[in-house]
Amino acid sequence: MGKILFALLATALIVWASDAPAQIAGDWTMSLETPHGTLSGPLKIEQDGAKLSGSYETEHAGKLALTGKVEGQKVTFSMEAPGGMTLTFNGTVEGGKMSGKADPFDGAWSASKK
């Protein structure tokens, strides 16, 4: 009976830990592939549990505010670009790196923690 209880508790802990949001708050460097070339700049993320806020700054677009969420290792955030276009970033977190695709133009993005 003790071994079964231990196995159930260990399994529950593993499932809980894998669902916990990745801790990604801090300063990053991000690159985004666009139809007009690559945009690079600092990405600053603040995190409250699964909720994200922050900013991304590039020479061409200026400083853009972002909001989003992180669920386990999956990250999603959005920002409004000049001209009113909303960019949505979907990706995964792997240690000090994140990467994925940005809609609406399906551009690849990646970020490395400073």
C-alpha atoms as a PDB file:
ATOM      1  CA  MET A   1       0.000   0.000   0.000  1.00  0.00           C
ATOM      2  CA  GLY A   2       2.824   2.417   0.867  1.00  0.00           C
ATOM      3  CA  LYS A   3       4.522   1.896  -2.518  1.00  0.00           C
ATOM      4  CA  ILE A   4       1.287   2.572  -4.387  1.00  0.00           C
ATOM      5  CA  LEU A   5       0.645   5.759  -2.429  1.00  0.00           C
ATOM      6  CA  PHE A   6       4.226   6.920  -3.046  1.00  0.00           C
ATOM      7  CA  ALA A   7       3.889   6.208  -6.779  1.00  0.00           C
ATOM      8  CA  LEU A   8       0.621   8.173  -6.967  1.00  0.00           C
ATOM      9  CA  LEU A   9       2.114  11.139  -5.109  1.00  0.00           C
ATOM     10  CA  ALA A  10       5.236  11.116  -7.294  1.00  0.00           C
ATOM     11  CA  THR A  11       3.108  11.008 -10.460  1.00  0.00           C
ATOM     12  CA  ALA A  12       0.920  13.875  -9.229  1.00  0.00           C
ATOM     13  CA  LEU A  13       4.016  15.951  -8.442  1.00  0.00           C
ATOM     14  CA  ILE A  14       5.483  15.337 -11.914  1.00  0.00           C
ATOM     15  CA  VAL A  15       2.193  16.295 -13.606  1.00  0.00           C
ATOM     16  CA  TRP A  16       1.885  19.426 -11.452  1.00  0.00           C
ATOM     17  CA  ALA A  17       5.486  20.471 -12.150  1.00  0.00           C
ATOM     18  CA  SER A  18       5.101  20.024 -15.920  1.00  0.00           C
ATOM     19  CA  ASP A  19       1.982  22.259 -15.903  1.00  0.00           C
ATOM     20  CA  ALA A  20       3.631  25.028 -13.864  1.00  0.00           C
ATOM     21  CA  PRO A  21       4.402  28.071 -16.006  1.00  0.00           C
ATOM     22  CA  ALA A  22       8.016  28.431 -17.103  1.00  0.00           C
ATOM     23  CA  GLN A  23       9.741  31.316 -15.324  1.00  0.00           C
ATOM     24  CA  ILE A  24      10.660  33.738 -18.112  1.00  0.00           C
ATOM     25  CA  ALA A  25      10.675  37.142 -16.411  1.00  0.00           C
ATOM     26  CA  GLY A  26      13.715  39.250 -17.204  1.00  0.00           C
ATOM     27  CA  ASP A  27      15.711  40.717 -20.043  1.00  0.00           C
ATOM     28  CA  TRP A  28      16.001  38.939 -23.388  1.00  0.00           C
ATOM     29  CA  THR A  29      17.323  39.690 -26.862  1.00  0.00           C
ATOM     30  CA  MET A  30      14.762  38.869 -29.568  1.00  0.00           C
ATOM     31  CA  SER A  31      14.934  38.588 -33.363  1.00  0.00           C
ATOM     32  CA  LEU A  32      11.881  38.517 -35.614  1.00  0.00           C
ATOM     33  CA  GLU A  33      11.853  37.617 -39.311  1.00  0.00           C
ATOM     34  CA  THR A  34       9.464  39.889 -41.237  1.00  0.00           C
ATOM     35  CA  PRO A  35       8.696  40.297 -44.948  1.00  0.00           C
ATOM     36  CA  HIS A  36      10.845  43.469 -44.762  1.00  0.00           C
ATOM     37  CA  GLY A  37      13.844  41.890 -43.027  1.00  0.00           C
ATOM     38  CA  THR A  38      14.934  40.930 -39.539  1.00  0.00           C
ATOM     39  CA  LEU A  39      14.019  43.056 -36.525  1.00  0.00           C
ATOM     40  CA  SER A  40      16.193  42.679 -33.426  1.00  0.00           C
ATOM     41  CA  GLY A  41      16.119  44.302 -30.050  1.00  0.00           C
ATOM     42  CA  PRO A  42      15.641  43.983 -26.313  1.00  0.00           C
ATOM     43  CA  LEU A  43      12.615  42.098 -24.979  1.00  0.00           C
ATOM     44  CA  LYS A  44      11.673  42.848 -21.369  1.00  0.00           C
ATOM     45  CA  ILE A  45       9.225  40.445 -19.701  1.00  0.00           C
ATOM     46  CA  GLU A  46       7.461  40.812 -16.370  1.00  0.00           C
ATOM     47  CA  GLN A  47       5.606  37.773 -15.045  1.00  0.00           C
ATOM     48  CA  ASP A  48       2.838  37.304 -12.488  1.00  0.00           C
ATOM     49  CA  GLY A  49       2.151  33.563 -12.391  1.00  0.00           C
ATOM     50  CA  ALA A  50       1.081  32.713 -15.928  1.00  0.00           C
ATOM     51  CA  LYS A  51       0.372  36.349 -16.905  1.00  0.00           C
ATOM     52  CA  LEU A  52       2.980  38.254 -18.951  1.00  0.00           C
ATOM     53  CA  SER A  53       3.546  41.943 -19.656  1.00  0.00           C
ATOM     54  CA  GLY A  54       6.495  43.882 -20.949  1.00  0.00           C
ATOM     55  CA  SER A  55       7.957  45.467 -24.053  1.00  0.00           C
ATOM     56  CA  TYR A  56       9.921  44.816 -27.233  1.00  0.00           C
ATOM     57  CA  GLU A  57      12.009  47.595 -28.740  1.00  0.00           C
ATOM     58  CA  THR A  58      13.437  47.832 -32.258  1.00  0.00           C
ATOM     59  CA  GLU A  59      15.037  50.678 -34.175  1.00  0.00           C
ATOM     60  CA  HIS A  60      12.314  50.641 -36.842  1.00  0.00           C
ATOM     61  CA  ALA A  61       9.195  50.081 -34.725  1.00  0.00           C
ATOM     62  CA  GLY A  62      10.154  51.761 -31.456  1.00  0.00           C
ATOM     63  CA  LYS A  63       9.015  50.400 -28.100  1.00  0.00           C
ATOM     64  CA  LEU A  64       5.970  48.102 -28.282  1.00  0.00           C
ATOM     65  CA  ALA A  65       4.001  47.012 -25.189  1.00  0.00           C
ATOM     66  CA  LEU A  66       3.185  43.312 -24.908  1.00  0.00           C
ATOM     67  CA  THR A  67       0.741  41.157 -22.958  1.00  0.00           C
ATOM     68  CA  GLY A  68       0.456  37.392 -22.898  1.00  0.00           C
ATOM     69  CA  LYS A  69       0.639  34.166 -20.957  1.00  0.00           C
ATOM     70  CA  VAL A  70       2.844  31.173 -20.368  1.00  0.00           C
ATOM     71  CA  GLU A  71       1.407  27.691 -19.802  1.00  0.00           C
ATOM     72  CA  GLY A  72       4.022  25.106 -18.951  1.00  0.00           C
ATOM     73  CA  GLN A  73       6.641  25.565 -21.672  1.00  0.00           C
ATOM     74  CA  LYS A  74       4.244  27.230 -24.146  1.00  0.00           C
ATOM     75  CA  VAL A  75       4.342  31.011 -24.450  1.00  0.00           C
ATOM     76  CA  THR A  76       1.953  33.371 -26.248  1.00  0.00           C
ATOM     77  CA  PHE A  77       2.112  37.151 -26.324  1.00  0.00           C
ATOM     78  CA  SER A  78       0.751  39.958 -28.481  1.00  0.00           C
ATOM     79  CA  MET A  79       1.723  43.519 -29.278  1.00  0.00           C
ATOM     80  CA  GLU A  80       0.308  46.247 -31.478  1.00  0.00           C
ATOM     81  CA  ALA A  81       2.690  47.337 -34.224  1.00  0.00           C
ATOM     82  CA  PRO A  82       2.664  50.784 -35.825  1.00  0.00           C
ATOM     83  CA  GLY A  83      -0.319  51.108 -38.149  1.00  0.00           C
ATOM     84  CA  GLY A  84      -2.600  49.175 -35.806  1.00  0.00           C
ATOM     85  CA  MET A  85      -1.533  45.637 -36.804  1.00  0.00           C
ATOM     86  CA  THR A  86      -1.608  43.152 -33.911  1.00  0.00           C
ATOM     87  CA  LEU A  87       1.307  40.714 -33.860  1.00  0.00           C
ATOM     88  CA  THR A  88       0.782  37.450 -31.996  1.00  0.00           C
ATOM     89  CA  PHE A  89       3.785  35.363 -30.984  1.00  0.00           C
ATOM     90  CA  ASN A  90       3.392  31.633 -30.233  1.00  0.00           C
ATOM     91  CA  GLY A  91       6.335  29.539 -29.130  1.00  0.00           C
ATOM     92  CA  THR A  92       8.063  27.326 -26.632  1.00  0.00           C
ATOM     93  CA  VAL A  93      10.519  27.933 -23.822  1.00  0.00           C
ATOM     94  CA  GLU A  94      13.639  25.787 -23.499  1.00  0.00           C
ATOM     95  CA  GLY A  95      15.830  26.994 -20.658  1.00  0.00           C
ATOM     96  CA  GLY A  96      17.258  30.393 -21.559  1.00  0.00           C
ATOM     97  CA  LYS A  97      15.829  30.324 -25.089  1.00  0.00           C
ATOM     98  CA  MET A  98      12.405  30.810 -26.669  1.00  0.00           C
ATOM     99  CA  SER A  99      11.332  30.431 -30.277  1.00  0.00           C
ATOM    100  CA  GLY A 100       8.258  30.118 -32.449  1.00  0.00           C
ATOM    101  CA  LYS A 101       6.181  31.810 -35.133  1.00  0.00           C
ATOM    102  CA  ALA A 102       4.548  35.248 -35.268  1.00  0.00           C
ATOM    103  CA  ASP A 103       1.193  35.881 -36.921  1.00  0.00           C
ATOM    104  CA  PRO A 104      -0.126  37.276 -39.212  1.00  0.00           C
ATOM    105  CA  PHE A 105       2.901  36.799 -41.505  1.00  0.00           C
ATOM    106  CA  ASP A 106       4.191  33.468 -40.068  1.00  0.00           C
ATOM    107  CA  GLY A 107       7.590  34.968 -39.290  1.00  0.00           C
ATOM    108  CA  ALA A 108      10.058  32.996 -37.192  1.00  0.00           C
ATOM    109  CA  TRP A 109      11.150  34.555 -33.902  1.00  0.00           C
ATOM    110  CA  SER A 110      13.700  33.588 -31.289  1.00  0.00           C
ATOM    111  CA  ALA A 111      14.905  35.061 -28.017  1.00  0.00           C
ATOM    112  CA  SER A 112      17.846  34.443 -25.708  1.00  0.00           C
ATOM    113  CA  LYS A 113      17.922  35.420 -22.060  1.00  0.00           C
ATOM    114  CA  LYS A 114      20.615  37.931 -21.116  1.00  0.00           C
END
